[in-house]
C-alpha atoms as a PDB file:
ATOM      1  CA  UNK A   1      63.296  21.665 260.670  1.00  0.00           C
ATOM      2  CA  UNK A   2      63.072  22.766 257.033  1.00  0.00           C
ATOM      3  CA  UNK A   3      64.488  20.333 254.509  1.00  0.00           C
ATOM      4  CA  UNK A   4      62.908  21.215 251.208  1.00  0.00           C
ATOM      5  CA  UNK A   5      63.708  24.445 249.225  1.00  0.00           C
ATOM      6  CA  UNK A   6      59.956  24.933 248.570  1.00  0.00           C
ATOM      7  CA  UNK A   7      59.387  25.144 252.317  1.00  0.00           C
ATOM      8  CA  UNK A   8      62.001  27.886 252.588  1.00  0.00           C
ATOM      9  CA  UNK A   9      60.118  30.029 250.038  1.00  0.00           C
ATOM     10  CA  UNK A  10      56.676  29.549 251.634  1.00  0.00           C
ATOM     11  CA  UNK A  11      57.589  30.700 255.138  1.00  0.00           C
ATOM     12  CA  UNK A  12      55.588  33.534 256.696  1.00  0.00           C
ATOM     13  CA  UNK A  13      57.030  36.106 259.098  1.00  0.00           C
ATOM     14  CA  UNK A  14      56.434  33.741 262.035  1.00  0.00           C
ATOM     15  CA  UNK A  15      58.588  31.051 260.403  1.00  0.00           C
ATOM     16  CA  UNK A  16      55.653  28.736 259.769  1.00  0.00           C
ATOM     17  CA  UNK A  17      55.338  26.882 256.481  1.00  0.00           C
ATOM     18  CA  UNK A  18      52.243  26.961 254.252  1.00  0.00           C
ATOM     19  CA  UNK A  19      50.495  30.007 255.692  1.00  0.00           C
ATOM     20  CA  UNK A  20      48.007  30.468 252.812  1.00  0.00           C
ATOM     21  CA  UNK A  21      44.811  28.458 253.144  1.00  0.00           C
ATOM     22  CA  UNK A  22      43.730  26.416 250.151  1.00  0.00           C
ATOM     23  CA  UNK A  23      40.364  26.663 248.350  1.00  0.00           C
ATOM     24  CA  UNK A  24      39.267  29.966 249.933  1.00  0.00           C
ATOM     25  CA  UNK A  25      40.661  32.460 247.412  1.00  0.00           C
ATOM     26  CA  UNK A  26      38.697  33.687 244.376  1.00  0.00           C
ATOM     27  CA  UNK A  27      39.657  32.578 240.882  1.00  0.00           C
ATOM     28  CA  UNK A  28      42.437  34.663 239.341  1.00  0.00           C
ATOM     29  CA  UNK A  29      42.193  35.746 235.708  1.00  0.00           C
ATOM     30  CA  UNK A  30      45.642  36.792 234.411  1.00  0.00           C
ATOM     31  CA  UNK A  31      44.132  38.142 231.163  1.00  0.00           C
ATOM     32  CA  UNK A  32      41.108  39.999 232.569  1.00  0.00           C
ATOM     33  CA  UNK A  33      39.704  42.683 230.257  1.00  0.00           C
ATOM     34  CA  UNK A  34      39.000  46.238 231.417  1.00  0.00           C
ATOM     35  CA  UNK A  35      36.760  48.089 228.974  1.00  0.00           C
ATOM     36  CA  UNK A  36      36.320  51.861 229.236  1.00  0.00           C
ATOM     37  CA  UNK A  37      33.315  53.858 228.035  1.00  0.00           C
ATOM     38  CA  UNK A  38      35.594  55.576 225.492  1.00  0.00           C
ATOM     39  CA  UNK A  39      36.299  52.199 223.849  1.00  0.00           C
ATOM     40  CA  UNK A  40      39.841  51.601 225.120  1.00  0.00           C
ATOM     41  CA  UNK A  41      40.549  48.062 226.380  1.00  0.00           C
ATOM     42  CA  UNK A  42      43.266  46.958 228.813  1.00  0.00           C
ATOM     43  CA  UNK A  43      44.446  43.490 229.840  1.00  0.00           C
ATOM     44  CA  UNK A  44      45.308  43.020 233.540  1.00  0.00           C
ATOM     45  CA  UNK A  45      45.252  40.336 236.191  1.00  0.00           C
ATOM     46  CA  UNK A  46      42.134  40.408 238.367  1.00  0.00           C
ATOM     47  CA  UNK A  47      39.637  38.364 240.340  1.00  0.00           C
ATOM     48  CA  UNK A  48      36.944  39.456 237.848  1.00  0.00           C
ATOM     49  CA  UNK A  49      37.039  38.332 234.238  1.00  0.00           C
ATOM     50  CA  UNK A  50      35.485  41.482 232.699  1.00  0.00           C
ATOM     51  CA  UNK A  51      35.469  44.990 234.195  1.00  0.00           C
ATOM     52  CA  UNK A  52      33.685  48.032 232.751  1.00  0.00           C
ATOM     53  CA  UNK A  53      34.755  51.546 233.814  1.00  0.00           C
ATOM     54  CA  UNK A  54      33.563  55.058 232.928  1.00  0.00           C
ATOM     55  CA  UNK A  55      36.953  56.785 232.841  1.00  0.00           C
ATOM     56  CA  UNK A  56      40.462  55.559 232.061  1.00  0.00           C
ATOM     57  CA  UNK A  57      43.855  57.193 231.528  1.00  0.00           C
ATOM     58  CA  UNK A  58      43.007  57.525 227.824  1.00  0.00           C
ATOM     59  CA  UNK A  59      40.005  59.823 228.430  1.00  0.00           C
ATOM     60  CA  UNK A  60      40.495  61.295 231.947  1.00  0.00           C
ATOM     61  CA  UNK A  61      40.703  65.128 231.892  1.00  0.00           C
ATOM     62  CA  UNK A  62      43.831  65.130 234.066  1.00  0.00           C
ATOM     63  CA  UNK A  63      45.761  63.159 231.436  1.00  0.00           C
ATOM     64  CA  UNK A  64      44.173  64.607 228.295  1.00  0.00           C
ATOM     65  CA  UNK A  65      44.043  68.264 229.376  1.00  0.00           C
ATOM     66  CA  UNK A  66      40.486  68.584 228.025  1.00  0.00           C
ATOM     67  CA  UNK A  67      37.368  69.054 230.107  1.00  0.00           C
ATOM     68  CA  UNK A  68      34.759  66.416 229.391  1.00  0.00           C
ATOM     69  CA  UNK A  69      31.277  65.966 230.864  1.00  0.00           C
ATOM     70  CA  UNK A  70      30.398  62.379 231.584  1.00  0.00           C
ATOM     71  CA  UNK A  71      26.664  61.887 231.607  1.00  0.00           C
ATOM     72  CA  UNK A  72      25.537  58.949 233.684  1.00  0.00           C
ATOM     73  CA  UNK A  73      21.818  58.276 233.176  1.00  0.00           C
ATOM     74  CA  UNK A  74      20.958  61.803 231.935  1.00  0.00           C
ATOM     75  CA  UNK A  75      22.014  63.584 235.131  1.00  0.00           C
ATOM     76  CA  UNK A  76      23.595  66.529 233.329  1.00  0.00           C
ATOM     77  CA  UNK A  77      20.475  67.197 231.239  1.00  0.00           C
ATOM     78  CA  UNK A  78      18.210  66.939 234.305  1.00  0.00           C
ATOM     79  CA  UNK A  79      20.424  69.378 236.207  1.00  0.00           C
ATOM     80  CA  UNK A  80      20.452  71.876 233.320  1.00  0.00           C
ATOM     81  CA  UNK A  81      16.655  71.600 232.914  1.00  0.00           C
ATOM     82  CA  UNK A  82      16.205  72.221 236.630  1.00  0.00           C
ATOM     83  CA  UNK A  83      18.426  75.315 236.464  1.00  0.00           C
ATOM     84  CA  UNK A  84      16.509  76.700 233.458  1.00  0.00           C
ATOM     85  CA  UNK A  85      13.178  76.114 235.200  1.00  0.00           C
ATOM     86  CA  UNK A  86      14.427  77.890 238.329  1.00  0.00           C
ATOM     87  CA  UNK A  87      15.665  80.855 236.268  1.00  0.00           C
ATOM     88  CA  UNK A  88      12.251  81.251 234.546  1.00  0.00           C
ATOM     89  CA  UNK A  89      10.192  80.996 237.749  1.00  0.00           C
ATOM     90  CA  UNK A  90       9.215  84.340 239.320  1.00  0.00           C
ATOM     91  CA  UNK A  91      11.065  85.213 242.507  1.00  0.00           C
ATOM     92  CA  UNK A  92       8.743  85.347 245.504  1.00  0.00           C
ATOM     93  CA  UNK A  93       9.158  88.294 247.836  1.00  0.00           C
ATOM     94  CA  UNK A  94       9.783  87.296 251.409  1.00  0.00           C
ATOM     95  CA  UNK A  95       7.443  88.594 254.063  1.00  0.00           C
ATOM     96  CA  UNK A  96       8.936  90.957 256.584  1.00  0.00           C
ATOM     97  CA  UNK A  97       9.271  89.436 260.037  1.00  0.00           C
ATOM     98  CA  UNK A  98       7.478  91.245 262.811  1.00  0.00           C
ATOM     99  CA  UNK A  99       9.148  91.300 266.206  1.00  0.00           C
ATOM    100  CA  UNK A 100       6.918  90.502 269.124  1.00  0.00           C
END
């Protein structure tokens, strides 16, 4: 039988009281900082205290309407260099296949 108003609020869908286990959940940071690569900072609640992201709503092409290349560890330059090298290399002629 439930007597206390706190017990009424903490009931799960089976009618049991106190369904959340104690001391197993991560620490909650109500003022966690999310920092974007563009420099924008947001405050949210999270299990991590500091979060770093590459794209946010401030710089995402869908929201800004501008196309933007995001270079993570020089991947764009390596890809462009590879394409230029392939364009300069002579094209090898394939040998004709002979049917047996």
